């Protein structure tokens, strides 16, 4: 998948199909991806959750806020960004190290509000 995503393929790649739980096979990339997502990221359903799931759902819905919480300083954020490996592939948002560092240097307050407080 990495070589496909980075377009470093030497020859044309033919994506394989997947065998589903009922014994059939996916027929194309769309059905393969749909099956993959349904298998690895099933939709949450509160009515079928067990007690543990309900507890986790409750915990993730509550903001973490303690008395000793302190805002990150601009220097701390910049130090972390500068430690990123520039050779790493970008994340889901497509933002790589260079872009994040430039955004921070030009708009540190905006960056702090968007990427730190919303995490």
Protein backbone atom coordinates (compact mmCIF):
# COMPACT_ATOMS: atom_id res chain seq x y z
CA UNK A 1 0.00 0.00 0.00
CA UNK A 2 2.85 2.42 0.81
CA UNK A 3 4.39 2.08 -2.65
CA UNK A 4 0.97 2.56 -4.21
CA UNK A 5 0.28 5.67 -2.12
CA UNK A 6 3.66 7.22 -2.91
CA UNK A 7 3.43 6.29 -6.58
CA UNK A 8 6.82 4.58 -6.49
CA UNK A 9 5.63 1.64 -8.51
CA UNK A 10 7.81 0.25 -11.24
CA UNK A 11 5.01 -1.50 -13.07
CA UNK A 12 1.25 -1.36 -13.13
CA UNK A 13 -0.19 -2.83 -9.95
CA UNK A 14 -3.35 -4.88 -9.96
CA UNK A 15 -5.08 -4.73 -6.62
CA UNK A 16 -6.30 -8.07 -5.37
CA UNK A 17 -9.72 -8.83 -4.04
CA UNK A 18 -10.64 -9.91 -0.55
CA UNK A 19 -12.56 -12.92 0.60
CA UNK A 20 -15.53 -11.87 2.73
CA UNK A 21 -16.92 -13.72 5.73
CA UNK A 22 -19.68 -15.29 3.64
CA UNK A 23 -17.13 -16.80 1.22
CA UNK A 24 -17.63 -14.39 -1.67
CA UNK A 25 -14.93 -12.08 -3.03
CA UNK A 26 -14.89 -8.35 -3.52
CA UNK A 27 -15.06 -7.42 -7.17
CA UNK A 28 -13.26 -4.06 -7.49
CA UNK A 29 -11.32 -1.46 -5.54
CA UNK A 30 -14.48 0.21 -4.24
CA UNK A 31 -15.95 -3.00 -2.83
CA UNK A 32 -12.53 -4.01 -1.45
CA UNK A 33 -12.12 -0.72 0.38
CA UNK A 34 -15.72 -0.78 1.61
CA UNK A 35 -15.25 -4.30 2.98
CA UNK A 36 -11.95 -3.31 4.59
CA UNK A 37 -13.52 -0.31 6.32
CA UNK A 38 -16.56 -2.26 7.49
CA UNK A 39 -14.28 -4.96 8.91
CA UNK A 40 -11.66 -2.78 10.61
CA UNK A 41 -13.80 0.26 11.48
CA UNK A 42 -17.31 -0.99 12.16
CA UNK A 43 -19.98 1.59 12.83
CA UNK A 44 -20.61 2.21 16.50
CA UNK A 45 -24.04 1.30 17.73
CA UNK A 46 -24.88 2.34 21.27
CA UNK A 47 -27.73 -0.17 21.53
CA UNK A 48 -25.39 -3.12 20.95
CA UNK A 49 -22.49 -1.84 23.07
CA UNK A 50 -21.37 -3.84 26.06
CA UNK A 51 -20.70 -2.12 29.40
CA UNK A 52 -17.02 -1.58 28.56
CA UNK A 53 -17.91 0.15 25.29
CA UNK A 54 -20.40 2.40 27.06
CA UNK A 55 -17.70 3.32 29.59
CA UNK A 56 -15.18 4.15 26.83
CA UNK A 57 -17.81 6.13 24.91
CA UNK A 58 -18.54 8.15 28.07
CA UNK A 59 -14.83 8.80 28.75
CA UNK A 60 -14.12 9.99 25.21
CA UNK A 61 -17.06 12.36 25.34
CA UNK A 62 -15.71 14.19 28.39
CA UNK A 63 -13.03 16.84 27.89
CA UNK A 64 -9.79 16.27 29.75
CA UNK A 65 -9.32 19.20 32.06
CA UNK A 66 -7.37 19.17 35.27
CA UNK A 67 -6.32 21.96 37.60
CA UNK A 68 -2.66 21.69 36.61
CA UNK A 69 -3.28 21.90 32.83
CA UNK A 70 -1.09 24.51 31.19
CA UNK A 71 -1.18 25.77 27.61
CA UNK A 72 1.72 24.73 25.40
CA UNK A 73 4.15 27.56 24.78
CA UNK A 74 5.06 28.59 21.25
CA UNK A 75 8.62 27.46 21.95
CA UNK A 76 7.44 23.99 23.01
CA UNK A 77 5.33 23.59 19.87
CA UNK A 78 8.14 24.75 17.61
CA UNK A 79 10.63 22.41 19.32
CA UNK A 80 8.32 19.44 18.70
CA UNK A 81 7.72 20.40 15.07
CA UNK A 82 11.44 20.76 14.45
CA UNK A 83 12.02 17.21 15.73
CA UNK A 84 9.70 15.75 13.07
CA UNK A 85 11.41 13.61 10.44
CA UNK A 86 11.19 15.53 7.14
CA UNK A 87 11.45 12.23 5.25
CA UNK A 88 8.21 10.85 6.69
CA UNK A 89 5.11 10.57 4.54
CA UNK A 90 2.33 13.06 5.34
CA UNK A 91 -0.56 11.96 7.52
CA UNK A 92 -4.22 11.62 6.62
CA UNK A 93 -4.60 15.37 6.17
CA UNK A 94 -1.75 15.45 3.65
CA UNK A 95 0.26 17.87 5.77
CA UNK A 96 3.94 17.07 6.03
CA UNK A 97 6.60 18.41 8.38
CA UNK A 98 7.55 21.34 6.17
CA UNK A 99 3.98 22.57 5.76
CA UNK A 100 3.21 22.30 9.49
CA UNK A 101 6.37 24.20 10.42
CA UNK A 102 5.64 26.98 7.90
CA UNK A 103 2.05 27.32 9.12
CA UNK A 104 3.26 27.54 12.69
CA UNK A 105 5.93 30.13 11.91
CA UNK A 106 3.46 32.38 10.06
CA UNK A 107 0.37 31.79 12.21
CA UNK A 108 1.45 30.47 15.64
CA UNK A 109 -1.76 31.51 17.40
CA UNK A 110 -3.98 29.99 14.72
CA UNK A 111 -1.91 26.80 14.71
CA UNK A 112 -2.12 26.50 18.49
CA UNK A 113 -5.91 26.94 18.50
CA UNK A 114 -6.55 24.49 15.65
CA UNK A 115 -4.06 21.70 16.23
CA UNK A 116 -3.43 21.70 19.96
CA UNK A 117 -6.65 22.68 21.70
CA UNK A 118 -8.84 20.57 19.41
CA UNK A 119 -6.79 17.40 20.00
